[in-house]
Amino acid sequence: MDYLNWVEHNWGVLRRAMQGHTAIYRATGGRIGHRTPGFPPVLLLDHVGARSGAHRTSPLVYGRDGQDLVIVASKGGHPKNPAWFHNLVANPDTTVQVGSRHMNVHARVATPEERPRLWALMVGVYSGYDAYRRRTEREIPLVVLEPR
């Protein structure tokens, strides 16, 4: 079974694991779930469904670029962008939790000029992004979260 079939087959389990991660992160005020030895840092991204209007939270690996945070819409190299990406495009003003800190942010897609530098930054945070890029034909979006 290739990677994408494995993910599709196990998506329910993965989704429940992400929900558990989010619940523990929130319940501990970010003391558990933000930084785990041997893993990249994780933030909690709040977003509103583009069609449903439902409020959702996704735990995502992030990097720092000055005052901005950067996240990668990789979905593990899946052919389609993750739902949270579409939600941010429709509703770019949102909030994130980084450890114990809550921040209001504005989301935007990285420009073509900043993309190479930000891609290198994020591969430095999590080297698996390069494998995801090889797995898909789409350009994986980089999202910049600017404090507001």
N, C-alpha and C. Protein backbone atom coordinates (compact mmCIF):
# COMPACT_ATOMS: atom_id res chain seq x y z
N MET A 1 0.86 -1.18 0.00
CA MET A 1 0.00 0.00 0.00
C MET A 1 0.90 1.24 0.00
N ASP A 2 0.68 2.14 -0.97
CA ASP A 2 1.49 3.34 -1.00
C ASP A 2 1.02 4.33 0.06
N TYR A 3 1.79 5.38 0.25
CA TYR A 3 1.55 6.34 1.32
C TYR A 3 0.17 6.97 1.25
N LEU A 4 -0.23 7.46 0.08
CA LEU A 4 -1.53 8.13 -0.02
C LEU A 4 -2.68 7.19 0.27
N ASN A 5 -2.59 5.96 -0.21
CA ASN A 5 -3.64 4.98 0.10
C ASN A 5 -3.66 4.68 1.60
N TRP A 6 -2.48 4.62 2.21
CA TRP A 6 -2.41 4.38 3.65
C TRP A 6 -3.10 5.51 4.41
N VAL A 7 -2.80 6.77 4.01
CA VAL A 7 -3.41 7.91 4.67
C VAL A 7 -4.93 7.88 4.50
N GLU A 8 -5.39 7.64 3.27
CA GLU A 8 -6.85 7.61 3.02
C GLU A 8 -7.50 6.50 3.86
N HIS A 9 -6.84 5.35 3.93
CA HIS A 9 -7.37 4.21 4.67
C HIS A 9 -7.43 4.48 6.17
N ASN A 10 -6.47 5.26 6.67
CA ASN A 10 -6.36 5.51 8.11
C ASN A 10 -6.77 6.92 8.51
N TRP A 11 -7.44 7.65 7.61
CA TRP A 11 -7.76 9.05 7.89
C TRP A 11 -8.58 9.21 9.17
N GLY A 12 -9.52 8.33 9.44
CA GLY A 12 -10.33 8.43 10.66
C GLY A 12 -9.47 8.38 11.91
N VAL A 13 -8.51 7.49 11.93
CA VAL A 13 -7.61 7.36 13.08
C VAL A 13 -6.74 8.60 13.20
N LEU A 14 -6.20 9.07 12.07
CA LEU A 14 -5.36 10.27 12.08
C LEU A 14 -6.15 11.49 12.56
N ARG A 15 -7.39 11.61 12.11
CA ARG A 15 -8.22 12.73 12.51
C ARG A 15 -8.49 12.71 14.02
N ARG A 16 -8.78 11.53 14.55
CA ARG A 16 -9.01 11.41 15.99
C ARG A 16 -7.73 11.74 16.77
N ALA A 17 -6.58 11.33 16.26
CA ALA A 17 -5.31 11.65 16.92
C ALA A 17 -5.09 13.17 16.94
N MET A 18 -5.40 13.85 15.83
CA MET A 18 -5.26 15.31 15.78
C MET A 18 -6.24 15.98 16.75
N GLN A 19 -7.44 15.45 16.86
CA GLN A 19 -8.42 16.00 17.80
C GLN A 19 -7.94 15.82 19.24
N GLY A 20 -7.34 14.65 19.52
CA GLY A 20 -6.78 14.41 20.85
C GLY A 20 -5.64 15.35 21.15
N HIS A 21 -4.75 15.54 20.17
CA HIS A 21 -3.63 16.48 20.33
C HIS A 21 -4.15 17.88 20.65
N THR A 22 -5.15 18.31 19.89
CA THR A 22 -5.73 19.64 20.09
C THR A 22 -6.33 19.75 21.49
N ALA A 23 -7.06 18.75 21.93
CA ALA A 23 -7.71 18.78 23.25
C ALA A 23 -6.67 18.88 24.37
N ILE A 24 -5.60 18.10 24.27
CA ILE A 24 -4.54 18.12 25.30
C ILE A 24 -3.82 19.46 25.28
N TYR A 25 -3.51 19.95 24.09
CA TYR A 25 -2.84 21.26 23.93
C TYR A 25 -3.66 22.34 24.62
N ARG A 26 -4.96 22.41 24.31
CA ARG A 26 -5.83 23.43 24.90
C ARG A 26 -5.97 23.24 26.42
N ALA A 27 -6.20 22.00 26.85
CA ALA A 27 -6.44 21.73 28.27
C ALA A 27 -5.23 22.08 29.14
N THR A 28 -4.03 21.96 28.59
CA THR A 28 -2.81 22.23 29.36
C THR A 28 -2.28 23.64 29.11
N GLY A 29 -3.04 24.46 28.39
CA GLY A 29 -2.58 25.81 28.09
C GLY A 29 -1.33 25.82 27.24
N GLY A 30 -1.14 24.78 26.44
CA GLY A 30 0.02 24.70 25.56
C GLY A 30 1.27 24.09 26.18
N ARG A 31 1.20 23.70 27.46
CA ARG A 31 2.37 23.09 28.10
C ARG A 31 2.68 21.72 27.48
N ILE A 32 1.63 21.02 27.04
CA ILE A 32 1.80 19.74 26.35
C ILE A 32 1.25 19.90 24.94
N GLY A 33 2.04 19.52 23.95
CA GLY A 33 1.58 19.56 22.57
C GLY A 33 2.25 20.61 21.72
N HIS A 34 2.84 21.63 22.34
CA HIS A 34 3.52 22.66 21.57
C HIS A 34 4.90 22.18 21.12
N ARG A 35 5.68 21.76 22.06
CA ARG A 35 7.03 21.26 21.76
C ARG A 35 7.20 19.87 22.39
N THR A 36 7.58 18.94 21.53
CA THR A 36 7.86 17.57 21.97
C THR A 36 9.26 17.23 21.48
N PRO A 37 10.15 16.76 22.36
CA PRO A 37 11.52 16.45 21.92
C PRO A 37 11.53 15.53 20.69
N GLY A 38 12.33 15.92 19.71
CA GLY A 38 12.45 15.13 18.49
C GLY A 38 11.42 15.46 17.42
N PHE A 39 10.50 16.37 17.71
CA PHE A 39 9.46 16.75 16.76
C PHE A 39 9.46 18.26 16.56
N PRO A 40 8.95 18.71 15.41
CA PRO A 40 8.87 20.15 15.19
C PRO A 40 7.79 20.79 16.05
N PRO A 41 7.87 22.10 16.28
CA PRO A 41 6.85 22.78 17.09
C PRO A 41 5.50 22.82 16.38
N VAL A 42 4.45 22.83 17.18
CA VAL A 42 3.08 22.79 16.66
C VAL A 42 2.28 23.96 17.25
N LEU A 43 1.51 24.60 16.40
CA LEU A 43 0.56 25.62 16.84
C LEU A 43 -0.85 25.10 16.61
N LEU A 44 -1.82 25.76 17.20
CA LEU A 44 -3.22 25.45 16.94
C LEU A 44 -3.80 26.58 16.10
N LEU A 45 -4.28 26.24 14.91
CA LEU A 45 -4.87 27.19 13.99
C LEU A 45 -6.38 27.10 14.08
N ASP A 46 -7.02 28.21 14.42
CA ASP A 46 -8.47 28.28 14.39
C ASP A 46 -8.89 28.74 13.01
N HIS A 47 -9.93 28.16 12.46
CA HIS A 47 -10.41 28.56 11.14
C HIS A 47 -11.90 28.30 11.05
N VAL A 48 -12.53 29.03 10.13
CA VAL A 48 -13.98 28.95 9.94
C VAL A 48 -14.25 28.33 8.58
N GLY A 49 -15.10 27.31 8.55
CA GLY A 49 -15.42 26.62 7.31
C GLY A 49 -15.87 27.58 6.22
N ALA A 50 -15.26 27.47 5.04
CA ALA A 50 -15.58 28.36 3.92
C ALA A 50 -17.04 28.23 3.51
N ARG A 51 -17.58 27.02 3.55
CA ARG A 51 -18.99 26.80 3.18
C ARG A 51 -19.88 26.60 4.39
N SER A 52 -19.39 25.87 5.37
CA SER A 52 -20.23 25.50 6.51
C SER A 52 -20.33 26.60 7.56
N GLY A 53 -19.29 27.43 7.67
CA GLY A 53 -19.25 28.42 8.74
C GLY A 53 -18.89 27.82 10.09
N ALA A 54 -18.61 26.51 10.11
CA ALA A 54 -18.26 25.82 11.36
C ALA A 54 -16.86 26.24 11.83
N HIS A 55 -16.71 26.39 13.14
CA HIS A 55 -15.42 26.74 13.73
C HIS A 55 -14.62 25.45 13.94
N ARG A 56 -13.38 25.49 13.50
CA ARG A 56 -12.52 24.30 13.58
C ARG A 56 -11.13 24.71 14.09
N THR A 57 -10.39 23.73 14.57
CA THR A 57 -9.01 23.95 15.01
C THR A 57 -8.16 22.83 14.44
N SER A 58 -6.99 23.20 13.91
CA SER A 58 -6.05 22.21 13.36
C SER A 58 -4.68 22.40 13.99
N PRO A 59 -4.08 21.30 14.50
CA PRO A 59 -2.69 21.39 14.97
C PRO A 59 -1.75 21.31 13.76
N LEU A 60 -0.85 22.27 13.64
CA LEU A 60 0.02 22.34 12.48
C LEU A 60 1.45 22.70 12.87
N VAL A 61 2.40 22.10 12.18
CA VAL A 61 3.81 22.47 12.33
C VAL A 61 3.96 23.89 11.83
N TYR A 62 4.82 24.66 12.48
CA TYR A 62 5.03 26.04 12.06
C TYR A 62 6.51 26.41 12.15
N GLY A 63 6.83 27.48 11.45
CA GLY A 63 8.15 28.10 11.53
C GLY A 63 7.97 29.58 11.80
N ARG A 64 9.04 30.23 12.20
CA ARG A 64 9.00 31.67 12.47
C ARG A 64 9.83 32.40 11.42
N ASP A 65 9.26 33.49 10.92
CA ASP A 65 9.96 34.38 9.99
C ASP A 65 9.79 35.79 10.53
N GLY A 66 10.71 36.19 11.39
CA GLY A 66 10.56 37.47 12.08
C GLY A 66 9.34 37.40 12.99
N GLN A 67 8.43 38.36 12.84
CA GLN A 67 7.20 38.38 13.63
C GLN A 67 6.13 37.43 13.10
N ASP A 68 6.32 36.98 11.84
CA ASP A 68 5.32 36.14 11.19
C ASP A 68 5.52 34.67 11.52
N LEU A 69 4.44 33.92 11.41
CA LEU A 69 4.48 32.46 11.51
C LEU A 69 4.22 31.91 10.11
N VAL A 70 4.80 30.77 9.81
CA VAL A 70 4.63 30.16 8.48
C VAL A 70 4.13 28.73 8.67
N ILE A 71 3.10 28.37 7.91
CA ILE A 71 2.58 27.00 7.92
C ILE A 71 2.54 26.49 6.49
N VAL A 72 2.51 25.17 6.35
CA VAL A 72 2.60 24.53 5.04
C VAL A 72 1.33 23.73 4.79
N ALA A 73 0.67 24.00 3.66
CA ALA A 73 -0.57 23.29 3.30
C ALA A 73 -0.22 22.03 2.51
N SER A 74 0.52 21.13 3.14
CA SER A 74 1.04 19.96 2.44
C SER A 74 0.05 18.80 2.36
N LYS A 75 -0.70 18.60 3.41
CA LYS A 75 -1.60 17.44 3.53
C LYS A 75 -0.84 16.16 3.19
N GLY A 76 0.42 16.13 3.61
CA GLY A 76 1.24 14.93 3.41
C GLY A 76 1.53 14.61 1.96
N GLY A 77 1.41 15.59 1.07
CA GLY A 77 1.64 15.34 -0.35
C GLY A 77 0.41 14.88 -1.09
N HIS A 78 -0.75 14.97 -0.47
CA HIS A 78 -2.02 14.61 -1.11
C HIS A 78 -2.23 15.49 -2.34
N PRO A 79 -2.95 14.99 -3.36
CA PRO A 79 -3.18 15.81 -4.56
C PRO A 79 -3.99 17.08 -4.32
N LYS A 80 -4.76 17.15 -3.23
CA LYS A 80 -5.59 18.32 -2.97
C LYS A 80 -5.09 19.05 -1.73
N ASN A 81 -5.31 20.36 -1.70
CA ASN A 81 -4.96 21.15 -0.52
C ASN A 81 -5.84 20.76 0.66
N PRO A 82 -5.33 20.93 1.88
CA PRO A 82 -6.16 20.63 3.06
C PRO A 82 -7.32 21.61 3.19
N ALA A 83 -8.38 21.18 3.84
CA ALA A 83 -9.57 22.02 4.01
C ALA A 83 -9.23 23.31 4.74
N TRP A 84 -8.34 23.26 5.72
CA TRP A 84 -8.01 24.48 6.47
C TRP A 84 -7.45 25.56 5.54
N PHE A 85 -6.75 25.17 4.47
CA PHE A 85 -6.21 26.15 3.54
C PHE A 85 -7.35 26.90 2.84
N HIS A 86 -8.33 26.16 2.35
CA HIS A 86 -9.48 26.79 1.69
C HIS A 86 -10.23 27.70 2.68
N ASN A 87 -10.32 27.25 3.92
CA ASN A 87 -11.00 28.05 4.94
C ASN A 87 -10.27 29.37 5.19
N LEU A 88 -8.93 29.33 5.22
CA LEU A 88 -8.16 30.56 5.45
C LEU A 88 -8.25 31.51 4.26
N VAL A 89 -8.29 30.97 3.05
CA VAL A 89 -8.43 31.83 1.88
C VAL A 89 -9.77 32.58 1.97
N ALA A 90 -10.82 31.89 2.39
CA ALA A 90 -12.14 32.51 2.50
C ALA A 90 -12.26 33.43 3.72
N ASN A 91 -11.57 33.08 4.81
CA ASN A 91 -11.66 33.83 6.07
C ASN A 91 -10.26 34.01 6.65
N PRO A 92 -9.48 34.97 6.12
CA PRO A 92 -8.07 35.05 6.49
C PRO A 92 -7.78 35.64 7.88
N ASP A 93 -8.71 36.35 8.49
CA ASP A 93 -8.48 36.88 9.83
C ASP A 93 -8.92 35.85 10.85
N THR A 94 -7.96 35.40 11.66
CA THR A 94 -8.23 34.29 12.58
C THR A 94 -7.34 34.39 13.80
N THR A 95 -7.29 33.30 14.57
CA THR A 95 -6.44 33.24 15.75
C THR A 95 -5.63 31.95 15.74
N VAL A 96 -4.49 32.01 16.44
CA VAL A 96 -3.66 30.84 16.65
C VAL A 96 -3.28 30.78 18.12
N GLN A 97 -2.95 29.58 18.57
CA GLN A 97 -2.36 29.40 19.89
C GLN A 97 -0.97 28.82 19.66
N VAL A 98 0.03 29.51 20.18
CA VAL A 98 1.43 29.06 20.09
C VAL A 98 1.90 28.88 21.52
N GLY A 99 1.96 27.63 21.96
CA GLY A 99 2.23 27.37 23.36
C GLY A 99 1.09 27.96 24.19
N SER A 100 1.42 28.81 25.15
CA SER A 100 0.38 29.42 25.99
C SER A 100 -0.14 30.74 25.41
N ARG A 101 0.46 31.20 24.34
CA ARG A 101 0.12 32.51 23.77
C ARG A 101 -0.95 32.41 22.69
N HIS A 102 -1.98 33.23 22.81
CA HIS A 102 -3.03 33.33 21.80
C HIS A 102 -2.77 34.61 21.00
N MET A 103 -2.89 34.51 19.66
CA MET A 103 -2.59 35.64 18.80
C MET A 103 -3.67 35.81 17.73
N ASN A 104 -3.99 37.06 17.42
CA ASN A 104 -4.82 37.37 16.27
C ASN A 104 -3.89 37.49 15.07
N VAL A 105 -4.24 36.83 13.97
CA VAL A 105 -3.39 36.84 12.78
C VAL A 105 -4.21 37.04 11.52
N HIS A 106 -3.51 37.47 10.48
CA HIS A 106 -4.08 37.56 9.13
C HIS A 106 -3.28 36.59 8.27
N ALA A 107 -3.99 35.70 7.59
CA ALA A 107 -3.33 34.68 6.75
C ALA A 107 -3.26 35.16 5.30
N ARG A 108 -2.13 34.90 4.68
CA ARG A 108 -1.97 35.17 3.25
C ARG A 108 -1.04 34.11 2.68
N VAL A 109 -1.22 33.84 1.39
CA VAL A 109 -0.34 32.90 0.70
C VAL A 109 0.97 33.61 0.41
N ALA A 110 2.08 32.91 0.62
CA ALA A 110 3.40 33.47 0.35
C ALA A 110 3.51 33.89 -1.11
N THR A 111 4.18 35.00 -1.35
CA THR A 111 4.39 35.48 -2.71
C THR A 111 5.43 34.61 -3.42
N PRO A 112 5.42 34.62 -4.75
CA PRO A 112 6.45 33.86 -5.49
C PRO A 112 7.87 34.29 -5.11
N GLU A 113 8.06 35.56 -4.79
CA GLU A 113 9.40 36.05 -4.43
C GLU A 113 9.88 35.50 -3.09
N GLU A 114 8.99 35.38 -2.13
CA GLU A 114 9.42 34.90 -0.80
C GLU A 114 9.35 33.38 -0.66
N ARG A 115 8.70 32.72 -1.60
CA ARG A 115 8.49 31.28 -1.52
C ARG A 115 9.78 30.46 -1.37
N PRO A 116 10.82 30.68 -2.19
CA PRO A 116 12.03 29.84 -2.03
C PRO A 116 12.65 29.95 -0.64
N ARG A 117 12.72 31.16 -0.11
CA ARG A 117 13.29 31.36 1.22
C ARG A 117 12.43 30.70 2.29
N LEU A 118 11.11 30.85 2.18
CA LEU A 118 10.22 30.27 3.19
C LEU A 118 10.15 28.75 3.07
N TRP A 119 10.25 28.23 1.84
CA TRP A 119 10.27 26.77 1.69
C TRP A 119 11.51 26.20 2.39
N ALA A 120 12.66 26.83 2.17
CA ALA A 120 13.89 26.37 2.82
C ALA A 120 13.75 26.45 4.34
N LEU A 121 13.15 27.53 4.83
CA LEU A 121 12.90 27.66 6.27
C LEU A 121 12.09 26.49 6.79
N MET A 122 11.00 26.16 6.10
CA MET A 122 10.11 25.11 6.59
C MET A 122 10.70 23.72 6.45
N VAL A 123 11.49 23.48 5.41
CA VAL A 123 12.19 22.18 5.30
C VAL A 123 13.20 22.05 6.44
N GLY A 124 13.77 23.18 6.87
CA GLY A 124 14.65 23.16 8.03
C GLY A 124 13.91 22.83 9.32
N VAL A 125 12.65 23.21 9.40
CA VAL A 125 11.82 22.89 10.57
C VAL A 125 11.40 21.42 10.53
N TYR A 126 11.00 20.96 9.33
CA TYR A 126 10.55 19.57 9.17
C TYR A 126 10.97 19.08 7.78
N SER A 127 11.97 18.22 7.74
CA SER A 127 12.54 17.77 6.47
C SER A 127 11.56 16.95 5.62
N GLY A 128 10.52 16.43 6.22
CA GLY A 128 9.54 15.63 5.49
C GLY A 128 8.80 16.40 4.40
N TYR A 129 8.81 17.73 4.48
CA TYR A 129 8.12 18.51 3.45
C TYR A 129 8.69 18.27 2.06
N ASP A 130 10.00 18.01 1.96
CA ASP A 130 10.57 17.74 0.64
C ASP A 130 10.01 16.44 0.05
N ALA A 131 9.81 15.43 0.88
CA ALA A 131 9.21 14.18 0.40
C ALA A 131 7.76 14.42 -0.03
N TYR A 132 7.05 15.25 0.72
CA TYR A 132 5.67 15.58 0.35
C TYR A 132 5.63 16.27 -1.01
N ARG A 133 6.59 17.18 -1.24
CA ARG A 133 6.64 17.92 -2.50
C ARG A 133 6.86 16.97 -3.67
N ARG A 134 7.70 15.96 -3.47
CA ARG A 134 7.96 14.98 -4.53
C ARG A 134 6.75 14.08 -4.79
N ARG A 135 5.89 13.95 -3.79
CA ARG A 135 4.74 13.04 -3.86
C ARG A 135 3.56 13.63 -4.64
N THR A 136 3.55 14.94 -4.87
CA THR A 136 2.39 15.57 -5.48
C THR A 136 2.80 16.42 -6.68
N GLU A 137 1.84 16.64 -7.57
CA GLU A 137 2.09 17.50 -8.72
C GLU A 137 1.68 18.94 -8.45
N ARG A 138 0.93 19.18 -7.39
CA ARG A 138 0.50 20.55 -7.09
C ARG A 138 1.63 21.30 -6.39
N GLU A 139 1.61 22.62 -6.51
CA GLU A 139 2.54 23.42 -5.72
C GLU A 139 1.95 23.53 -4.32
N ILE A 140 2.70 23.07 -3.34
CA ILE A 140 2.22 23.10 -1.96
C ILE A 140 2.25 24.54 -1.45
N PRO A 141 1.09 25.08 -1.06
CA PRO A 141 1.06 26.47 -0.60
C PRO A 141 1.76 26.66 0.75
N LEU A 142 2.42 27.79 0.84
CA LEU A 142 2.97 28.26 2.11
C LEU A 142 2.07 29.41 2.57
N VAL A 143 1.68 29.38 3.82
CA VAL A 143 0.79 30.40 4.35
C VAL A 143 1.54 31.19 5.42
N VAL A 144 1.53 32.50 5.27
CA VAL A 144 2.16 33.41 6.22
C VAL A 144 1.04 33.93 7.13
N LEU A 145 1.27 33.80 8.42
CA LEU A 145 0.34 34.31 9.43
C LEU A 145 0.95 35.56 10.05
N GLU A 146 0.38 36.70 9.69
CA GLU A 146 0.91 37.99 10.15
C GLU A 146 0.13 38.46 11.39
N PRO A 147 0.85 38.87 12.45
CA PRO A 147 0.14 39.39 13.63
C PRO A 147 -0.71 40.60 13.25
N ARG A 148 -1.88 40.72 13.87
CA ARG A 148 -2.73 41.90 13.62
C ARG A 148 -3.22 42.46 14.93
